[in-house]
Amino acid sequence: WRLVWLDRQGRETELSAQLGEGVRYATLSPDGRLVAFSATRDSNLDVWIWDIASGVKSRLTTAPEDDFSPVWSPTGEEIAFHSNRAGNYDIFSVRTDGSGAPQALVATLEGERAQDWSRDGKYLLYERITTETGVDLWYLERAVGTSDWEPHPLVQTPFAETDARFSPDVRYVAYVSDETGQDEVYVRSFPDANRKWTVSPGGGQM
């Protein structure tokens, strides 16, 4: 598994790293200096960080359960990830400098997976899987001046809503839904979700 840089024309400009086997969910830090990824080592799936300049790879989580799908905070100081360490797939966060233990951000009897962190650090988009409506979109809102998060539903339908991302100004959310019988990319206003339009008629993914 190798990580490469591509220019805007899709041309490979630099071979960055050979990250080894079992690597998934690689994502670049906001400042472009680090890459967070999930990798299986000794039959254990964990979140790792690779320093691009030094080439050093550091293991960020060490629980025997699966930890994967990292999502950077806008400051790069935290990473949210998906884990079954509490017996169910929930969302945890951990400081990227390795200090402190991972903290649960949302933990329910359903399954959750982080999708995107807003640029102002106030919101965290995530998928929630229920038996009633399948995969829905929710978001966590951080109380001002605290580390407390409050969950809110964003899109709940009988269809599958996945791969959500905030717009840079945090006024919209783009996501994929199969409500027409095939995957399409949609945009909704945020946080009210009252306005919706399709941006990929004919099928689309993100």
Protein backbone atom coordinates (compact mmCIF):
# COMPACT_ATOMS: atom_id res chain seq x y z
CA TRP A 1 0.00 0.00 0.00
CA ARG A 2 1.60 3.28 -1.07
CA LEU A 3 0.64 6.91 -0.59
CA VAL A 4 1.31 9.37 -3.41
CA TRP A 5 0.91 13.08 -4.13
CA LEU A 6 -1.21 14.03 -7.14
CA ASP A 7 -1.33 17.44 -8.81
CA ARG A 8 -4.58 19.07 -10.00
CA GLN A 9 -4.31 17.24 -13.33
CA GLY A 10 -4.17 13.89 -11.55
CA ARG A 11 -0.48 13.33 -12.29
CA GLU A 12 1.67 11.60 -9.71
CA THR A 13 4.28 14.09 -8.55
CA GLU A 14 6.01 12.35 -5.67
CA LEU A 15 6.11 8.94 -4.02
CA SER A 16 5.49 9.76 -0.39
CA ALA A 17 5.58 6.50 1.52
CA GLN A 18 5.22 2.77 1.58
CA LEU A 19 2.89 2.38 4.53
CA GLY A 20 2.78 -1.41 4.43
CA GLU A 21 -0.07 -3.89 4.25
CA GLY A 22 -3.52 -3.52 5.77
CA VAL A 23 -3.65 0.29 5.52
CA ARG A 24 -7.04 2.01 5.19
CA TYR A 25 -8.70 5.39 5.64
CA ALA A 26 -5.62 7.57 5.08
CA THR A 27 -6.37 11.28 5.64
CA LEU A 28 -4.16 14.38 5.58
CA SER A 29 -3.91 16.72 8.59
CA PRO A 30 -5.17 20.32 8.18
CA ASP A 31 -1.60 21.67 7.99
CA GLY A 32 -0.51 19.01 5.49
CA ARG A 33 2.31 17.73 7.71
CA LEU A 34 0.81 14.48 8.99
CA VAL A 35 -1.24 11.57 7.70
CA ALA A 36 -3.61 9.63 9.94
CA PHE A 37 -4.49 6.13 8.82
CA SER A 38 -5.78 2.81 10.10
CA ALA A 39 -3.56 -0.24 9.84
CA THR A 40 -3.62 -3.83 11.02
CA ARG A 41 -0.50 -4.90 12.88
CA ASP A 42 -0.33 -8.22 14.74
CA SER A 43 -4.04 -8.79 13.99
CA ASN A 44 -4.97 -5.50 15.67
CA LEU A 45 -6.57 -2.58 13.79
CA ASP A 46 -5.46 0.80 15.18
CA VAL A 47 -5.10 4.47 14.25
CA TRP A 48 -1.58 5.57 13.31
CA ILE A 49 0.04 8.89 12.41
CA TRP A 50 2.78 9.30 9.82
CA ASP A 51 5.01 12.39 9.92
CA ILE A 52 5.68 13.22 6.27
CA ALA A 53 8.93 15.14 6.85
CA SER A 54 10.62 12.65 9.17
CA GLY A 55 8.98 9.49 7.85
CA VAL A 56 8.21 8.37 11.43
CA LYS A 57 5.03 6.34 11.98
CA SER A 58 3.47 6.45 15.46
CA ARG A 59 0.72 4.23 16.81
CA LEU A 60 -1.98 6.46 18.31
CA THR A 61 -4.39 3.83 19.69
CA THR A 62 -3.50 0.53 21.34
CA ALA A 63 -6.77 -1.07 22.46
CA PRO A 64 -7.24 -4.73 21.48
CA GLU A 65 -10.53 -3.80 19.79
CA ASP A 66 -10.80 -2.22 16.32
CA ASP A 67 -9.99 1.51 16.07
CA PHE A 68 -10.28 3.00 12.58
CA SER A 69 -11.64 5.66 10.20
CA PRO A 70 -9.78 8.72 11.64
CA VAL A 71 -11.15 12.26 11.19
CA TRP A 72 -8.95 15.29 11.98
CA SER A 73 -10.13 18.22 14.07
CA PRO A 74 -9.55 21.60 12.34
CA THR A 75 -6.64 22.42 14.65
CA GLY A 76 -5.03 19.01 14.15
CA GLU A 77 -4.91 18.53 17.91
CA GLU A 78 -7.57 15.79 18.01
CA ILE A 79 -8.68 12.85 15.93
CA ALA A 80 -12.14 11.31 16.05
CA PHE A 81 -12.33 7.63 15.22
CA HIS A 82 -14.69 4.66 15.04
CA SER A 83 -14.24 1.88 17.61
CA ASN A 84 -15.96 -1.11 19.17
CA ARG A 85 -13.90 -0.87 22.36
CA ALA A 86 -17.09 -0.32 24.40
CA GLY A 87 -18.81 -3.34 22.84
CA ASN A 88 -20.58 -1.36 20.12
CA TYR A 89 -19.26 0.81 17.28
CA ASP A 90 -19.12 4.31 18.72
CA ILE A 91 -17.13 7.52 18.18
CA PHE A 92 -14.12 8.38 20.30
CA SER A 93 -11.53 11.15 20.16
CA VAL A 94 -7.85 11.13 21.07
CA ARG A 95 -5.23 13.87 21.23
CA THR A 96 -2.71 13.61 18.42
CA ASP A 97 0.25 14.25 20.72
CA GLY A 98 -0.57 10.98 22.49
CA SER A 99 -1.43 12.60 25.81
CA GLY A 100 -4.48 11.36 27.68
CA ALA A 101 -6.77 8.41 27.06
CA PRO A 102 -9.34 8.30 24.24
CA GLN A 103 -12.69 9.84 25.19
CA ALA A 104 -16.15 8.77 24.02
CA LEU A 105 -17.91 11.49 22.01
CA VAL A 106 -21.08 9.55 21.31
CA ALA A 107 -21.98 6.07 22.55
CA THR A 108 -25.42 4.50 22.07
CA LEU A 109 -26.93 1.09 21.45
CA GLU A 110 -26.85 1.93 17.74
CA GLY A 111 -23.71 2.22 15.58
CA GLU A 112 -21.97 5.51 14.78
CA ARG A 113 -19.07 6.59 12.58
CA ALA A 114 -17.49 10.06 12.31
CA GLN A 115 -17.57 11.73 8.89
CA ASP A 116 -16.26 15.30 9.07
CA TRP A 117 -15.28 18.04 11.54
CA SER A 118 -16.35 21.61 10.78
CA ARG A 119 -13.61 24.21 10.26
CA ASP A 120 -14.73 26.17 13.31
CA GLY A 121 -14.44 23.04 15.47
CA LYS A 122 -18.03 23.37 16.68
CA TYR A 123 -19.63 20.46 14.82
CA LEU A 124 -18.82 16.84 14.02
CA LEU A 125 -20.84 15.05 11.34
CA TYR A 126 -21.44 11.35 11.78
CA GLU A 127 -23.41 8.39 10.46
CA ARG A 128 -25.83 6.64 12.77
CA ILE A 129 -27.15 3.18 11.90
CA THR A 130 -30.55 2.14 13.25
CA THR A 131 -32.89 -0.78 12.61
CA GLU A 132 -35.74 1.65 11.83
CA THR A 133 -34.25 3.92 9.15
CA GLY A 134 -30.84 2.42 8.31
CA VAL A 135 -27.94 4.85 7.86
CA ASP A 136 -28.81 8.44 8.83
CA LEU A 137 -26.81 11.64 9.27
CA TRP A 138 -26.42 13.25 12.68
CA TYR A 139 -24.09 15.87 14.07
CA LEU A 140 -22.52 16.66 17.40
CA GLU A 141 -22.48 20.25 18.60
CA ARG A 142 -19.79 21.32 21.05
CA ALA A 143 -20.93 23.61 23.85
CA VAL A 144 -18.98 26.88 23.87
CA GLY A 145 -16.01 26.79 26.22
CA THR A 146 -16.53 23.13 27.18
CA SER A 147 -15.64 19.65 25.98
CA ASP A 148 -19.29 18.53 26.08
CA TRP A 149 -21.03 17.44 22.87
CA GLU A 150 -24.76 17.34 22.15
CA PRO A 151 -26.16 15.05 19.38
CA HIS A 152 -28.71 16.29 16.81
CA PRO A 153 -30.36 14.50 13.86
CA LEU A 154 -29.72 16.06 10.44
CA VAL A 155 -31.17 13.68 7.82
CA GLN A 156 -33.35 10.72 8.84
CA THR A 157 -35.08 8.85 6.04
CA PRO A 158 -35.70 5.20 5.04
CA PHE A 159 -32.76 5.59 2.63
CA ALA A 160 -29.01 5.40 3.26
CA GLU A 161 -27.27 8.76 3.77
CA THR A 162 -23.47 8.46 3.83
CA ASP A 163 -20.11 10.17 3.14
CA ALA A 164 -21.11 13.57 4.55
CA ARG A 165 -18.83 16.63 4.38
CA PHE A 166 -19.20 20.22 5.54
CA SER A 167 -18.78 23.16 3.19
CA PRO A 168 -15.84 25.44 4.17
CA ASP A 169 -18.26 28.05 5.58
CA VAL A 170 -20.24 25.37 7.48
CA ARG A 171 -23.50 26.52 5.87
CA TYR A 172 -24.05 23.33 3.86
CA VAL A 173 -23.50 19.58 4.02
CA ALA A 174 -22.80 17.43 0.96
CA TYR A 175 -23.62 13.72 1.20
CA VAL A 176 -24.56 10.61 -0.78
CA SER A 177 -28.06 9.10 -0.73
CA ASP A 178 -29.71 6.20 -2.57
CA GLU A 179 -33.21 7.66 -2.36
CA THR A 180 -33.70 7.50 -6.16
CA GLY A 181 -32.60 3.87 -6.35
CA GLN A 182 -29.00 4.77 -7.14
CA ASP A 183 -26.34 6.76 -5.32
CA GLU A 184 -26.48 10.51 -5.92
CA VAL A 185 -24.68 13.47 -4.32
CA TYR A 186 -26.90 15.97 -2.52
CA VAL A 187 -26.38 19.25 -0.71
CA ARG A 188 -28.46 20.41 2.27
CA SER A 189 -28.45 23.64 4.20
CA PHE A 190 -26.96 23.39 7.68
CA PRO A 191 -28.00 23.20 10.44
CA ASP A 192 -31.68 23.59 9.50
CA ALA A 193 -31.51 21.03 6.61
CA ASN A 194 -34.61 22.64 5.06
CA ARG A 195 -33.13 23.16 1.59
CA LYS A 196 -31.89 20.26 -0.53
CA TRP A 197 -30.74 19.86 -4.12
CA THR A 198 -29.06 17.23 -6.25
CA VAL A 199 -25.63 17.96 -7.71
CA SER A 200 -24.99 14.67 -9.53
CA PRO A 201 -28.00 13.59 -11.60
CA GLY A 202 -27.19 10.27 -13.25
CA GLY A 203 -25.33 8.78 -10.29
CA GLY A 204 -22.51 10.00 -8.10
CA GLN A 205 -20.16 9.29 -5.19
CA MET A 206 -17.90 11.36 -2.95
